[in-house]
Structures are given as structure tokens and as C-alpha cells.
Amino acid sequence: MLANIDSRLARTIVELGPGDRAVTEEILARMRPDARIYAVEINPVFRGAHRRTFNDRRSRCGAQAGVMTQVRARALNHTRRRSLKVLRMCARKPG
């Protein structure tokens, strides 16, 4: 299922319905060290199992609202950092 996905390039991955976590394990194995995976799971039993199984700071699991709030915050933070970098680059240009 992951053959055509280059997860080494992604900084943020959202997995919908991780279920038994088999795909999550493979994604974590392929991810870059500074990436995050957010698993959206509506089943509280699977959600609890996910949280107990993964002791990886890159992995977050929750119901839709909580996870999407975290994803938005990460995207906003990334956008701010990138904007500051562009502003610094523009400030250095002569002219």
C-alpha cells in the first residue's frame, strides 16, 4: 500500500483510520526523524491501543477534532518559520 509514497519527504502525515496500526508501523519506519504522523481514529478502542503501542514522539493519535487542531498548529508553525526565512533572505538582497 505504501509502495508509491515517499514518506521521507513529508514533514506531516495524516493517517485516517489506523485500525490495527500495521500501516502506521511501516510509515513510522520510513519517516524522516523530524516528521510527525497524526492518526485520526474514531473507534476509542483502537485509539487507546494506538496510544499504548507507540512510544514514539513523532506519533499522535486522537479523534478527528483533536488531531486536526494539532495538524493546523503544526502547519501554521511551519508556515511562520518559512515566511521568516523568506523575509530574512529578502532583507539580505542588495538593492
Protein backbone atom coordinates (compact mmCIF):
# COMPACT_ATOMS: atom_id res chain seq x y z
CA MET A 1 0.00 0.00 0.00
CA LEU A 2 2.90 2.40 0.66
CA ALA A 3 4.99 1.47 -2.37
CA ASN A 4 4.26 4.72 -4.25
CA ILE A 5 4.58 7.04 -1.26
CA ASP A 6 7.91 8.64 -0.45
CA SER A 7 7.32 9.39 3.22
CA ARG A 8 10.93 10.57 3.58
CA LEU A 9 9.89 13.88 2.01
CA ALA A 10 6.86 14.57 4.20
CA ARG A 11 7.06 16.51 7.43
CA THR A 12 3.43 15.95 8.35
CA ILE A 13 1.45 12.79 7.59
CA VAL A 14 -2.21 12.27 8.46
CA GLU A 15 -3.46 8.69 8.59
CA LEU A 16 -7.23 8.24 8.56
CA GLY A 17 -8.43 5.15 10.42
CA PRO A 18 -5.19 3.45 11.51
CA GLY A 19 -7.16 0.45 12.82
CA ASP A 20 -4.72 -2.31 13.81
CA ARG A 21 -1.73 0.04 13.28
CA ALA A 22 0.11 -2.14 10.74
CA VAL A 23 0.35 0.70 8.20
CA THR A 24 1.29 3.17 10.96
CA GLU A 25 4.26 0.99 11.92
CA GLU A 26 5.51 0.95 8.33
CA ILE A 27 5.06 4.70 7.94
CA LEU A 28 6.99 5.34 11.17
CA ALA A 29 9.80 3.11 9.92
CA ARG A 30 10.06 5.13 6.70
CA MET A 31 9.53 8.64 8.09
CA ARG A 32 12.21 11.24 8.49
CA PRO A 33 13.24 11.95 12.10
CA ASP A 34 11.66 15.43 12.23
CA ALA A 35 8.31 14.34 10.73
CA ARG A 36 5.04 13.77 12.58
CA ILE A 37 2.23 11.32 11.91
CA TYR A 38 -1.24 12.19 13.11
CA ALA A 39 -3.63 9.23 13.21
CA VAL A 40 -7.34 10.05 13.17
CA GLU A 41 -9.27 7.17 14.74
CA ILE A 42 -12.95 7.38 15.74
CA ASN A 43 -13.02 3.99 17.49
CA PRO A 44 -11.98 4.59 21.12
CA VAL A 45 -10.70 1.00 21.49
CA PHE A 46 -8.32 1.34 18.53
CA ARG A 47 -7.37 4.84 19.64
CA GLY A 48 -6.39 3.57 23.10
CA ALA A 49 -4.44 0.66 21.62
CA HIS A 50 -2.57 3.05 19.34
CA ARG A 51 -1.56 5.26 22.24
CA ARG A 52 -0.37 2.27 24.29
CA THR A 53 1.52 0.68 21.37
CA PHE A 54 3.56 3.59 20.04
CA ASN A 55 6.11 5.20 22.29
CA ASP A 56 7.36 7.43 19.50
CA ARG A 57 7.35 11.21 19.91
CA ARG A 58 6.52 11.54 16.19
CA SER A 59 3.18 9.74 16.54
CA ARG A 60 -0.08 11.30 17.72
CA CYS A 61 -3.48 9.64 17.74
CA GLY A 62 -6.86 11.07 18.56
CA ALA A 63 -10.40 11.74 17.46
CA GLN A 64 -10.82 13.99 14.45
CA ALA A 65 -11.20 17.35 16.18
CA GLY A 66 -8.16 17.00 18.44
CA VAL A 67 -5.86 15.67 15.74
CA MET A 68 -6.86 18.25 13.17
CA THR A 69 -6.20 21.03 15.70
CA GLN A 70 -2.66 19.68 16.13
CA VAL A 71 -2.17 19.40 12.35
CA ARG A 72 -3.32 23.01 11.82
CA ALA A 73 -0.98 24.24 14.56
CA ARG A 74 1.97 22.38 13.02
CA ALA A 75 1.17 23.74 9.55
CA LEU A 76 0.85 27.27 10.89
CA ASN A 77 4.16 26.97 12.74
CA HIS A 78 5.86 25.64 9.58
CA THR A 79 4.37 28.49 7.51
CA ARG A 80 5.60 31.08 10.02
CA ARG A 81 9.13 29.65 10.02
CA ARG A 82 9.20 29.55 6.22
CA SER A 83 7.87 33.13 5.99
CA LEU A 84 10.54 34.36 8.40
CA LYS A 85 13.21 32.59 6.34
CA VAL A 86 11.96 34.25 3.14
CA LEU A 87 11.83 37.66 4.86
CA ARG A 88 15.42 37.23 6.10
CA MET A 89 16.54 36.27 2.59
CA CYS A 90 14.82 39.31 1.08
CA ALA A 91 16.38 41.61 3.68
CA ARG A 92 19.85 40.42 2.69
CA LYS A 93 19.39 41.11 -1.03
CA PRO A 94 21.06 44.31 -2.18
CA GLY A 95 19.03 46.92 -3.82
